[in-house]
Amino acid sequence: VHTAAAVRQRPVFPFTAIVGQEEMKLALLLNVIDPKIGGVMIMGDRGT
């Protein structure tokens, strides 16, 4: 059983710190739980 060696990766903004946009976050989480839902189309303003 292998694991990737520790590499210095660019930090990613934590999901739990994201404020607002509850509709988008809920849709993404549900698709992770059940990928057979069929994906998410996110339409909205730039910079959101």
All heavy atoms as atom14 arrays in JSON, in Angstrom:
{
  "sequence": "VHTAAAVRQRPVFPFTAIVGQEEMKLALLLNVIDPKIGGVMIMGDRGT",
  "atom14_mask": [
    [1, 1, 1, 1, 1, 1, 1, 0, 0, 0, 0, 0, 0, 0],
    [1, 1, 1, 1, 1, 1, 1, 1, 1, 1, 0, 0, 0, 0],
    [1, 1, 1, 1, 1, 1, 1, 0, 0, 0, 0, 0, 0, 0],
    [1, 1, 1, 1, 1, 0, 0, 0, 0, 0, 0, 0, 0, 0],
    [1, 1, 1, 1, 1, 0, 0, 0, 0, 0, 0, 0, 0, 0],
    [1, 1, 1, 1, 1, 0, 0, 0, 0, 0, 0, 0, 0, 0],
    [1, 1, 1, 1, 1, 1, 1, 0, 0, 0, 0, 0, 0, 0],
    [1, 1, 1, 1, 1, 1, 1, 1, 1, 1, 1, 0, 0, 0],
    [1, 1, 1, 1, 1, 1, 1, 1, 1, 0, 0, 0, 0, 0],
    [1, 1, 1, 1, 1, 1, 1, 1, 1, 1, 1, 0, 0, 0],
    [1, 1, 1, 1, 1, 1, 1, 0, 0, 0, 0, 0, 0, 0],
    [1, 1, 1, 1, 1, 1, 1, 0, 0, 0, 0, 0, 0, 0],
    [1, 1, 1, 1, 1, 1, 1, 1, 1, 1, 1, 0, 0, 0],
    [1, 1, 1, 1, 1, 1, 1, 0, 0, 0, 0, 0, 0, 0],
    [1, 1, 1, 1, 1, 1, 1, 1, 1, 1, 1, 0, 0, 0],
    [1, 1, 1, 1, 1, 1, 1, 0, 0, 0, 0, 0, 0, 0],
    [1, 1, 1, 1, 1, 0, 0, 0, 0, 0, 0, 0, 0, 0],
    [1, 1, 1, 1, 1, 1, 1, 1, 0, 0, 0, 0, 0, 0],
    [1, 1, 1, 1, 1, 1, 1, 0, 0, 0, 0, 0, 0, 0],
    [1, 1, 1, 1, 0, 0, 0, 0, 0, 0, 0, 0, 0, 0],
    [1, 1, 1, 1, 1, 1, 1, 1, 1, 0, 0, 0, 0, 0],
    [1, 1, 1, 1, 1, 1, 1, 1, 1, 0, 0, 0, 0, 0],
    [1, 1, 1, 1, 1, 1, 1, 1, 1, 0, 0, 0, 0, 0],
    [1, 1, 1, 1, 1, 1, 1, 1, 0, 0, 0, 0, 0, 0],
    [1, 1, 1, 1, 1, 1, 1, 1, 1, 0, 0, 0, 0, 0],
    [1, 1, 1, 1, 1, 1, 1, 1, 0, 0, 0, 0, 0, 0],
    [1, 1, 1, 1, 1, 0, 0, 0, 0, 0, 0, 0, 0, 0],
    [1, 1, 1, 1, 1, 1, 1, 1, 0, 0, 0, 0, 0, 0],
    [1, 1, 1, 1, 1, 1, 1, 1, 0, 0, 0, 0, 0, 0],
    [1, 1, 1, 1, 1, 1, 1, 1, 0, 0, 0, 0, 0, 0],
    [1, 1, 1, 1, 1, 1, 1, 1, 0, 0, 0, 0, 0, 0],
    [1, 1, 1, 1, 1, 1, 1, 0, 0, 0, 0, 0, 0, 0],
    [1, 1, 1, 1, 1, 1, 1, 1, 0, 0, 0, 0, 0, 0],
    [1, 1, 1, 1, 1, 1, 1, 1, 0, 0, 0, 0, 0, 0],
    [1, 1, 1, 1, 1, 1, 1, 0, 0, 0, 0, 0, 0, 0],
    [1, 1, 1, 1, 1, 1, 1, 1, 1, 0, 0, 0, 0, 0],
    [1, 1, 1, 1, 1, 1, 1, 1, 0, 0, 0, 0, 0, 0],
    [1, 1, 1, 1, 0, 0, 0, 0, 0, 0, 0, 0, 0, 0],
    [1, 1, 1, 1, 0, 0, 0, 0, 0, 0, 0, 0, 0, 0],
    [1, 1, 1, 1, 1, 1, 1, 0, 0, 0, 0, 0, 0, 0],
    [1, 1, 1, 1, 1, 1, 1, 1, 0, 0, 0, 0, 0, 0],
    [1, 1, 1, 1, 1, 1, 1, 1, 0, 0, 0, 0, 0, 0],
    [1, 1, 1, 1, 1, 1, 1, 1, 0, 0, 0, 0, 0, 0],
    [1, 1, 1, 1, 0, 0, 0, 0, 0, 0, 0, 0, 0, 0],
    [1, 1, 1, 1, 1, 1, 1, 1, 0, 0, 0, 0, 0, 0],
    [1, 1, 1, 1, 1, 1, 1, 1, 1, 1, 1, 0, 0, 0],
    [1, 1, 1, 1, 0, 0, 0, 0, 0, 0, 0, 0, 0, 0],
    [1, 1, 1, 1, 1, 1, 1, 0, 0, 0, 0, 0, 0, 0]
  ],
  "atom14_positions": [
    [[0.86, -1.17, 0.0], [0.0, 0.0, 0.0], [0.9, 1.22, 0.0], [1.73, 1.39, 0.89], [-0.93, 0.02, 1.24], [-1.81, 1.25, 1.2], [-1.76, -1.24, 1.28], [0.0, 0.0, 0.0], [0.0, 0.0, 0.0], [0.0, 0.0, 0.0], [0.0, 0.0, 0.0], [0.0, 0.0, 0.0], [0.0, 0.0, 0.0], [0.0, 0.0, 0.0]],
    [[0.76, 2.05, -1.03], [1.61, 3.22, -1.19], [0.84, 4.49, -0.86], [-0.37, 4.51, -0.87], [2.1, 3.34, -2.65], [2.89, 2.17, -3.12], [2.31, 0.95, -3.4], [4.22, 2.03, -3.38], [3.24, 0.11, -3.82], [4.4, 0.74, -3.81], [0.0, 0.0, 0.0], [0.0, 0.0, 0.0], [0.0, 0.0, 0.0], [0.0, 0.0, 0.0]],
    [[1.56, 5.52, -0.58], [0.97, 6.85, -0.54], [1.92, 7.8, -1.23], [3.14, 7.57, -1.23], [0.69, 7.31, 0.9], [-0.03, 8.55, 0.84], [1.97, 7.53, 1.69], [0.0, 0.0, 0.0], [0.0, 0.0, 0.0], [0.0, 0.0, 0.0], [0.0, 0.0, 0.0], [0.0, 0.0, 0.0], [0.0, 0.0, 0.0], [0.0, 0.0, 0.0]],
    [[1.41, 8.84, -1.83], [2.27, 9.77, -2.54], [3.19, 10.46, -1.55], [2.81, 10.81, -0.44], [1.42, 10.82, -3.27], [0.0, 0.0, 0.0], [0.0, 0.0, 0.0], [0.0, 0.0, 0.0], [0.0, 0.0, 0.0], [0.0, 0.0, 0.0], [0.0, 0.0, 0.0], [0.0, 0.0, 0.0], [0.0, 0.0, 0.0], [0.0, 0.0, 0.0]],
    [[4.43, 10.66, -1.94], [5.39, 11.36, -1.1], [4.93, 12.8, -0.89], [4.28, 13.39, -1.74], [6.77, 11.34, -1.75], [0.0, 0.0, 0.0], [0.0, 0.0, 0.0], [0.0, 0.0, 0.0], [0.0, 0.0, 0.0], [0.0, 0.0, 0.0], [0.0, 0.0, 0.0], [0.0, 0.0, 0.0], [0.0, 0.0, 0.0], [0.0, 0.0, 0.0]],
    [[5.26, 13.31, 0.28], [4.83, 14.67, 0.6], [5.46, 15.65, -0.39], [6.66, 15.68, -0.57], [5.25, 15.01, 2.02], [0.0, 0.0, 0.0], [0.0, 0.0, 0.0], [0.0, 0.0, 0.0], [0.0, 0.0, 0.0], [0.0, 0.0, 0.0], [0.0, 0.0, 0.0], [0.0, 0.0, 0.0], [0.0, 0.0, 0.0], [0.0, 0.0, 0.0]],
    [[4.64, 16.38, -1.04], [5.14, 17.39, -1.96], [4.53, 18.72, -1.56], [3.45, 18.78, -1.01], [4.75, 17.07, -3.43], [5.55, 15.9, -3.94], [3.27, 16.81, -3.57], [0.0, 0.0, 0.0], [0.0, 0.0, 0.0], [0.0, 0.0, 0.0], [0.0, 0.0, 0.0], [0.0, 0.0, 0.0], [0.0, 0.0, 0.0], [0.0, 0.0, 0.0]],
    [[5.25, 19.75, -1.83], [4.79, 21.08, -1.47], [3.76, 21.52, -2.49], [4.1, 21.87, -3.61], [5.98, 22.03, -1.44], [5.7, 23.31, -0.67], [6.99, 24.06, -0.43], [6.74, 25.3, 0.26], [6.54, 25.4, 1.56], [6.54, 24.32, 2.3], [6.33, 26.58, 2.13], [0.0, 0.0, 0.0], [0.0, 0.0, 0.0], [0.0, 0.0, 0.0]],
    [[2.49, 21.48, -2.09], [1.43, 21.84, -3.0], [0.92, 23.25, -2.69], [1.04, 23.73, -1.57], [0.27, 20.85, -2.89], [0.63, 19.47, -3.4], [-0.58, 18.54, -3.34], [-1.45, 18.7, -2.51], [-0.62, 17.56, -4.22], [0.0, 0.0, 0.0], [0.0, 0.0, 0.0], [0.0, 0.0, 0.0], [0.0, 0.0, 0.0], [0.0, 0.0, 0.0]],
    [[0.37, 23.86, -3.72], [-0.21, 25.19, -3.53], [-1.4, 25.08, -2.58], [-2.27, 24.24, -2.79], [-0.65, 25.73, -4.88], [-0.82, 27.23, -4.92], [-0.98, 27.67, -6.34], [-2.35, 28.16, -6.55], [-2.83, 28.47, -7.74], [-2.1, 28.32, -8.81], [-4.05, 28.92, -7.86], [0.0, 0.0, 0.0], [0.0, 0.0, 0.0], [0.0, 0.0, 0.0]],
    [[-1.46, 25.91, -1.53], [-2.58, 25.81, -0.6], [-3.91, 26.13, -1.27], [-3.99, 26.99, -2.14], [-2.24, 26.85, 0.49], [-1.26, 27.78, -0.15], [-0.51, 26.97, -1.16], [0.0, 0.0, 0.0], [0.0, 0.0, 0.0], [0.0, 0.0, 0.0], [0.0, 0.0, 0.0], [0.0, 0.0, 0.0], [0.0, 0.0, 0.0], [0.0, 0.0, 0.0]],
    [[-4.95, 25.4, -0.84], [-6.3, 25.59, -1.39], [-7.19, 26.16, -0.3], [-7.18, 25.7, 0.84], [-6.86, 24.24, -1.89], [-8.29, 24.41, -2.41], [-5.97, 23.66, -2.98], [0.0, 0.0, 0.0], [0.0, 0.0, 0.0], [0.0, 0.0, 0.0], [0.0, 0.0, 0.0], [0.0, 0.0, 0.0], [0.0, 0.0, 0.0], [0.0, 0.0, 0.0]],
    [[-7.98, 27.15, -0.66], [-8.9, 27.78, 0.29], [-9.84, 26.71, 0.85], [-10.42, 25.93, 0.09], [-9.71, 28.87, -0.42], [-10.41, 29.82, 0.51], [-9.76, 30.95, 0.99], [-11.72, 29.59, 0.91], [-10.4, 31.83, 1.85], [-12.37, 30.46, 1.77], [-11.7, 31.59, 2.24], [0.0, 0.0, 0.0], [0.0, 0.0, 0.0], [0.0, 0.0, 0.0]],
    [[-9.99, 26.62, 2.19], [-10.81, 25.55, 2.77], [-12.29, 25.68, 2.46], [-12.86, 26.78, 2.52], [-10.55, 25.68, 4.29], [-10.04, 27.07, 4.48], [-9.36, 27.47, 3.21], [0.0, 0.0, 0.0], [0.0, 0.0, 0.0], [0.0, 0.0, 0.0], [0.0, 0.0, 0.0], [0.0, 0.0, 0.0], [0.0, 0.0, 0.0], [0.0, 0.0, 0.0]],
    [[-12.92, 24.56, 2.16], [-14.33, 24.54, 1.78], [-15.21, 25.07, 2.9], [-16.17, 25.81, 2.66], [-14.73, 23.1, 1.43], [-16.13, 22.96, 0.89], [-16.39, 23.16, -0.45], [-17.19, 22.62, 1.73], [-17.69, 23.03, -0.95], [-18.48, 22.49, 1.24], [-18.72, 22.69, -0.11], [0.0, 0.0, 0.0], [0.0, 0.0, 0.0], [0.0, 0.0, 0.0]],
    [[-14.9, 24.71, 4.15], [-15.74, 25.11, 5.27], [-15.63, 26.59, 5.59], [-16.42, 27.11, 6.39], [-15.4, 24.28, 6.52], [-13.98, 24.36, 6.76], [-15.78, 22.83, 6.33], [0.0, 0.0, 0.0], [0.0, 0.0, 0.0], [0.0, 0.0, 0.0], [0.0, 0.0, 0.0], [0.0, 0.0, 0.0], [0.0, 0.0, 0.0], [0.0, 0.0, 0.0]],
    [[-14.67, 27.28, 4.99], [-14.52, 28.72, 5.24], [-15.28, 29.56, 4.22], [-15.37, 30.79, 4.38], [-13.03, 29.1, 5.21], [0.0, 0.0, 0.0], [0.0, 0.0, 0.0], [0.0, 0.0, 0.0], [0.0, 0.0, 0.0], [0.0, 0.0, 0.0], [0.0, 0.0, 0.0], [0.0, 0.0, 0.0], [0.0, 0.0, 0.0], [0.0, 0.0, 0.0]],
    [[-15.82, 28.93, 3.2], [-16.51, 29.68, 2.14], [-17.85, 30.21, 2.67], [-18.67, 29.46, 3.2], [-16.73, 28.8, 0.9], [-15.37, 28.46, 0.27], [-17.62, 29.51, -0.13], [-15.43, 27.43, -0.82], [0.0, 0.0, 0.0], [0.0, 0.0, 0.0], [0.0, 0.0, 0.0], [0.0, 0.0, 0.0], [0.0, 0.0, 0.0], [0.0, 0.0, 0.0]],
    [[-18.03, 31.52, 2.52], [-19.22, 32.2, 3.04], [-20.27, 32.32, 1.94], [-19.96, 32.69, 0.8], [-18.85, 33.6, 3.57], [-20.1, 34.35, 4.04], [-17.85, 33.5, 4.7], [0.0, 0.0, 0.0], [0.0, 0.0, 0.0], [0.0, 0.0, 0.0], [0.0, 0.0, 0.0], [0.0, 0.0, 0.0], [0.0, 0.0, 0.0], [0.0, 0.0, 0.0]],
    [[-21.53, 32.01, 2.28], [-22.62, 32.18, 1.32], [-22.63, 31.09, 0.25], [-22.0, 30.04, 0.38], [0.0, 0.0, 0.0], [0.0, 0.0, 0.0], [0.0, 0.0, 0.0], [0.0, 0.0, 0.0], [0.0, 0.0, 0.0], [0.0, 0.0, 0.0], [0.0, 0.0, 0.0], [0.0, 0.0, 0.0], [0.0, 0.0, 0.0], [0.0, 0.0, 0.0]],
    [[-23.36, 31.36, -0.85], [-23.49, 30.44, -1.99], [-23.91, 29.05, -1.53], [-23.38, 28.03, -1.99], [-22.18, 30.38, -2.81], [-21.58, 31.71, -3.19], [-22.52, 32.58, -4.02], [-23.67, 32.24, -4.25], [-22.03, 33.72, -4.47], [0.0, 0.0, 0.0], [0.0, 0.0, 0.0], [0.0, 0.0, 0.0], [0.0, 0.0, 0.0], [0.0, 0.0, 0.0]],
    [[-24.89, 29.01, -0.61], [-25.32, 27.74, -0.02], [-25.89, 26.78, -1.07], [-25.73, 25.57, -0.98], [-26.37, 27.99, 1.07], [-25.87, 28.85, 2.22], [-24.63, 28.28, 2.89], [-24.55, 27.04, 3.02], [-23.74, 29.06, 3.28], [0.0, 0.0, 0.0], [0.0, 0.0, 0.0], [0.0, 0.0, 0.0], [0.0, 0.0, 0.0], [0.0, 0.0, 0.0]],
    [[-26.57, 27.32, -2.07], [-27.18, 26.48, -3.1], [-26.12, 25.71, -3.88], [-26.25, 24.51, -4.11], [-28.01, 27.36, -4.05], [-28.9, 26.6, -4.97], [-29.84, 27.49, -5.78], [-30.87, 27.91, -5.23], [-29.53, 27.76, -6.95], [0.0, 0.0, 0.0], [0.0, 0.0, 0.0], [0.0, 0.0, 0.0], [0.0, 0.0, 0.0], [0.0, 0.0, 0.0]],
    [[-25.05, 26.4, -4.25], [-23.97, 25.75, -4.99], [-23.27, 24.71, -4.12], [-23.01, 23.58, -4.58], [-22.96, 26.8, -5.48], [-21.68, 26.23, -6.04], [-20.6, 27.47, -6.79], [-20.24, 28.55, -5.42], [0.0, 0.0, 0.0], [0.0, 0.0, 0.0], [0.0, 0.0, 0.0], [0.0, 0.0, 0.0], [0.0, 0.0, 0.0], [0.0, 0.0, 0.0]],
    [[-22.99, 25.05, -2.88], [-22.28, 24.13, -2.0], [-23.11, 22.87, -1.75], [-22.58, 21.75, -1.76], [-21.93, 24.82, -0.67], [-20.87, 25.89, -0.81], [-20.33, 26.36, 0.54], [-21.35, 27.13, 1.32], [-20.76, 27.74, 2.55], [0.0, 0.0, 0.0], [0.0, 0.0, 0.0], [0.0, 0.0, 0.0], [0.0, 0.0, 0.0], [0.0, 0.0, 0.0]],
    [[-24.42, 23.03, -1.54], [-25.28, 21.88, -1.31], [-25.31, 20.96, -2.52], [-25.18, 19.73, -2.39], [-26.7, 22.34, -0.97], [-27.74, 21.24, -0.75], [-27.36, 20.38, 0.45], [-29.14, 21.81, -0.57], [0.0, 0.0, 0.0], [0.0, 0.0, 0.0], [0.0, 0.0, 0.0], [0.0, 0.0, 0.0], [0.0, 0.0, 0.0], [0.0, 0.0, 0.0]],
    [[-25.45, 21.53, -3.71], [-25.5, 20.71, -4.93], [-24.2, 19.92, -5.11], [-24.22, 18.73, -5.47], [-25.75, 21.61, -6.15], [0.0, 0.0, 0.0], [0.0, 0.0, 0.0], [0.0, 0.0, 0.0], [0.0, 0.0, 0.0], [0.0, 0.0, 0.0], [0.0, 0.0, 0.0], [0.0, 0.0, 0.0], [0.0, 0.0, 0.0], [0.0, 0.0, 0.0]],
    [[-23.06, 20.55, -4.85], [-21.77, 19.88, -5.0], [-21.62, 18.74, -3.98], [-21.19, 17.63, -4.32], [-20.63, 20.88, -4.84], [-20.47, 21.89, -5.97], [-19.49, 23.0, -5.58], [-19.99, 21.21, -7.25], [0.0, 0.0, 0.0], [0.0, 0.0, 0.0], [0.0, 0.0, 0.0], [0.0, 0.0, 0.0], [0.0, 0.0, 0.0], [0.0, 0.0, 0.0]],
    [[-22.0, 18.99, -2.73], [-21.88, 17.97, -1.69], [-22.76, 16.76, -1.99], [-22.33, 15.61, -1.82], [-22.25, 18.56, -0.33], [-21.24, 19.55, 0.28], [-21.84, 20.23, 1.51], [-19.93, 18.87, 0.63], [0.0, 0.0, 0.0], [0.0, 0.0, 0.0], [0.0, 0.0, 0.0], [0.0, 0.0, 0.0], [0.0, 0.0, 0.0], [0.0, 0.0, 0.0]],
    [[-23.98, 17.01, -2.46], [-24.89, 15.9, -2.76], [-24.37, 15.05, -3.92], [-24.52, 13.83, -3.91], [-26.29, 16.43, -3.08], [-27.01, 17.17, -1.94], [-28.42, 17.56, -2.37], [-27.05, 16.34, -0.67], [0.0, 0.0, 0.0], [0.0, 0.0, 0.0], [0.0, 0.0, 0.0], [0.0, 0.0, 0.0], [0.0, 0.0, 0.0], [0.0, 0.0, 0.0]],
    [[-23.73, 15.68, -4.89], [-23.15, 14.92, -6.02], [-21.94, 14.11, -5.6], [-21.67, 13.06, -6.19], [-22.79, 15.87, -7.15], [-23.93, 16.09, -8.12], [-24.1, 15.36, -9.09], [-24.76, 17.09, -7.83], [0.0, 0.0, 0.0], [0.0, 0.0, 0.0], [0.0, 0.0, 0.0], [0.0, 0.0, 0.0], [0.0, 0.0, 0.0], [0.0, 0.0, 0.0]],
    [[-21.23, 14.57, -4.59], [-20.1, 13.79, -4.07], [-20.63, 12.56, -3.33], [-20.08, 11.46, -3.45], [-19.23, 14.66, -3.14], [-18.27, 13.8, -2.33], [-18.44, 15.68, -3.96], [0.0, 0.0, 0.0], [0.0, 0.0, 0.0], [0.0, 0.0, 0.0], [0.0, 0.0, 0.0], [0.0, 0.0, 0.0], [0.0, 0.0, 0.0], [0.0, 0.0, 0.0]],
    [[-21.71, 12.75, -2.58], [-22.3, 11.63, -1.84], [-22.88, 10.6, -2.8], [-22.71, 9.39, -2.62], [-23.39, 12.14, -0.87], [-22.75, 13.01, 0.22], [-24.17, 10.99, -0.24], [-23.74, 13.81, 1.03], [0.0, 0.0, 0.0], [0.0, 0.0, 0.0], [0.0, 0.0, 0.0], [0.0, 0.0, 0.0], [0.0, 0.0, 0.0], [0.0, 0.0, 0.0]],
    [[-23.57, 11.06, -3.84], [-24.14, 10.16, -4.85], [-23.82, 10.7, -6.25], [-24.58, 11.48, -6.81], [-25.65, 10.03, -4.68], [-26.27, 9.03, -5.66], [-25.5, 8.4, -6.41], [-27.5, 8.88, -5.65], [0.0, 0.0, 0.0], [0.0, 0.0, 0.0], [0.0, 0.0, 0.0], [0.0, 0.0, 0.0], [0.0, 0.0, 0.0], [0.0, 0.0, 0.0]],
    [[-22.69, 10.27, -6.84], [-22.31, 10.76, -8.18], [-23.34, 10.45, -9.26], [-23.35, 11.09, -10.31], [-20.99, 10.02, -8.46], [-20.46, 9.64, -7.11], [-21.67, 9.38, -6.27], [0.0, 0.0, 0.0], [0.0, 0.0, 0.0], [0.0, 0.0, 0.0], [0.0, 0.0, 0.0], [0.0, 0.0, 0.0], [0.0, 0.0, 0.0], [0.0, 0.0, 0.0]],
    [[-24.25, 9.47, -8.99], [-25.26, 9.12, -10.0], [-26.34, 10.19, -10.14], [-27.19, 10.09, -11.02], [-25.89, 7.77, -9.65], [-24.92, 6.6, -9.84], [-25.6, 5.28, -9.55], [-24.62, 4.12, -9.75], [-25.23, 2.82, -9.43], [0.0, 0.0, 0.0], [0.0, 0.0, 0.0], [0.0, 0.0, 0.0], [0.0, 0.0, 0.0], [0.0, 0.0, 0.0]],
    [[-26.3, 11.21, -9.3], [-27.22, 12.35, -9.47], [-27.0, 12.98, -10.84], [-27.94, 13.45, -11.47], [-27.04, 13.37, -8.33], [-27.63, 12.81, -7.03], [-27.71, 14.71, -8.67], [-27.35, 13.65, -5.8], [0.0, 0.0, 0.0], [0.0, 0.0, 0.0], [0.0, 0.0, 0.0], [0.0, 0.0, 0.0], [0.0, 0.0, 0.0], [0.0, 0.0, 0.0]],
    [[-25.77, 13.02, -11.3], [-25.52, 13.44, -12.68], [-24.82, 14.77, -12.87], [-24.85, 15.34, -13.95], [0.0, 0.0, 0.0], [0.0, 0.0, 0.0], [0.0, 0.0, 0.0], [0.0, 0.0, 0.0], [0.0, 0.0, 0.0], [0.0, 0.0, 0.0], [0.0, 0.0, 0.0], [0.0, 0.0, 0.0], [0.0, 0.0, 0.0], [0.0, 0.0, 0.0]],
    [[-24.17, 15.27, -11.81], [-23.39, 16.49, -11.98], [-24.17, 17.77, -11.69], [-25.37, 17.75, -11.42], [0.0, 0.0, 0.0], [0.0, 0.0, 0.0], [0.0, 0.0, 0.0], [0.0, 0.0, 0.0], [0.0, 0.0, 0.0], [0.0, 0.0, 0.0], [0.0, 0.0, 0.0], [0.0, 0.0, 0.0], [0.0, 0.0, 0.0], [0.0, 0.0, 0.0]],
    [[-23.45, 18.89, -11.76], [-24.03, 20.19, -11.43], [-23.68, 21.2, -12.51], [-22.54, 21.27, -12.96], [-23.48, 20.73, -10.09], [-24.27, 21.96, -9.64], [-23.47, 19.68, -9.02], [0.0, 0.0, 0.0], [0.0, 0.0, 0.0], [0.0, 0.0, 0.0], [0.0, 0.0, 0.0], [0.0, 0.0, 0.0], [0.0, 0.0, 0.0], [0.0, 0.0, 0.0]],
    [[-24.67, 21.98, -12.9], [-24.45, 23.14, -13.76], [-24.59, 24.38, -12.89], [-25.64, 24.57, -12.25], [-25.48, 23.15, -14.89], [-25.35, 24.33, -15.83], [-23.82, 24.25, -16.77], [-23.85, 25.86, -17.55], [0.0, 0.0, 0.0], [0.0, 0.0, 0.0], [0.0, 0.0, 0.0], [0.0, 0.0, 0.0], [0.0, 0.0, 0.0], [0.0, 0.0, 0.0]],
    [[-23.54, 25.19, -12.82], [-23.56, 26.39, -11.98], [-23.54, 27.62, -12.88], [-22.57, 27.86, -13.6], [-22.33, 26.42, -11.04], [-22.27, 25.15, -10.19], [-22.36, 27.66, -10.16], [-20.95, 24.95, -9.48], [0.0, 0.0, 0.0], [0.0, 0.0, 0.0], [0.0, 0.0, 0.0], [0.0, 0.0, 0.0], [0.0, 0.0, 0.0], [0.0, 0.0, 0.0]],
    [[-24.61, 28.36, -12.85], [-24.68, 29.58, -13.66], [-24.77, 30.79, -12.73], [-25.53, 30.78, -11.76], [-25.92, 29.55, -14.57], [-25.87, 28.48, -15.63], [-24.54, 28.7, -16.83], [-25.28, 29.89, -17.95], [0.0, 0.0, 0.0], [0.0, 0.0, 0.0], [0.0, 0.0, 0.0], [0.0, 0.0, 0.0], [0.0, 0.0, 0.0], [0.0, 0.0, 0.0]],
    [[-23.96, 31.8, -13.03], [-24.01, 32.98, -12.18], [-23.03, 34.04, -12.6], [-22.31, 33.91, -13.6], [0.0, 0.0, 0.0], [0.0, 0.0, 0.0], [0.0, 0.0, 0.0], [0.0, 0.0, 0.0], [0.0, 0.0, 0.0], [0.0, 0.0, 0.0], [0.0, 0.0, 0.0], [0.0, 0.0, 0.0], [0.0, 0.0, 0.0], [0.0, 0.0, 0.0]],
    [[-23.0, 35.1, -11.82], [-22.16, 36.25, -12.12], [-20.69, 35.89, -12.04], [-20.29, 34.95, -11.36], [-22.46, 37.39, -11.12], [-23.93, 37.75, -11.1], [-24.58, 37.62, -12.15], [-24.43, 38.18, -10.04], [0.0, 0.0, 0.0], [0.0, 0.0, 0.0], [0.0, 0.0, 0.0], [0.0, 0.0, 0.0], [0.0, 0.0, 0.0], [0.0, 0.0, 0.0]],
    [[-19.89, 36.69, -12.71], [-18.43, 36.53, -12.63], [-17.95, 36.89, -11.22], [-18.53, 37.74, -10.55], [-17.74, 37.45, -13.65], [-18.01, 37.09, -15.08], [-17.27, 38.04, -16.02], [-17.81, 39.4, -15.91], [-18.84, 39.86, -16.59], [-19.49, 39.05, -17.43], [-19.26, 41.1, -16.44], [0.0, 0.0, 0.0], [0.0, 0.0, 0.0], [0.0, 0.0, 0.0]],
    [[-16.85, 36.25, -10.8], [-16.24, 36.61, -9.52], [-17.05, 36.23, -8.3], [-16.96, 36.87, -7.25], [0.0, 0.0, 0.0], [0.0, 0.0, 0.0], [0.0, 0.0, 0.0], [0.0, 0.0, 0.0], [0.0, 0.0, 0.0], [0.0, 0.0, 0.0], [0.0, 0.0, 0.0], [0.0, 0.0, 0.0], [0.0, 0.0, 0.0], [0.0, 0.0, 0.0]],
    [[-17.86, 35.16, -8.39], [-18.68, 34.75, -7.25], [-18.14, 33.49, -6.58], [-18.85, 32.85, -5.8], [-20.14, 34.52, -7.7], [-20.16, 33.77, -8.92], [-20.86, 35.84, -7.91], [0.0, 0.0, 0.0], [0.0, 0.0, 0.0], [0.0, 0.0, 0.0], [0.0, 0.0, 0.0], [0.0, 0.0, 0.0], [0.0, 0.0, 0.0], [0.0, 0.0, 0.0]]
  ]
}
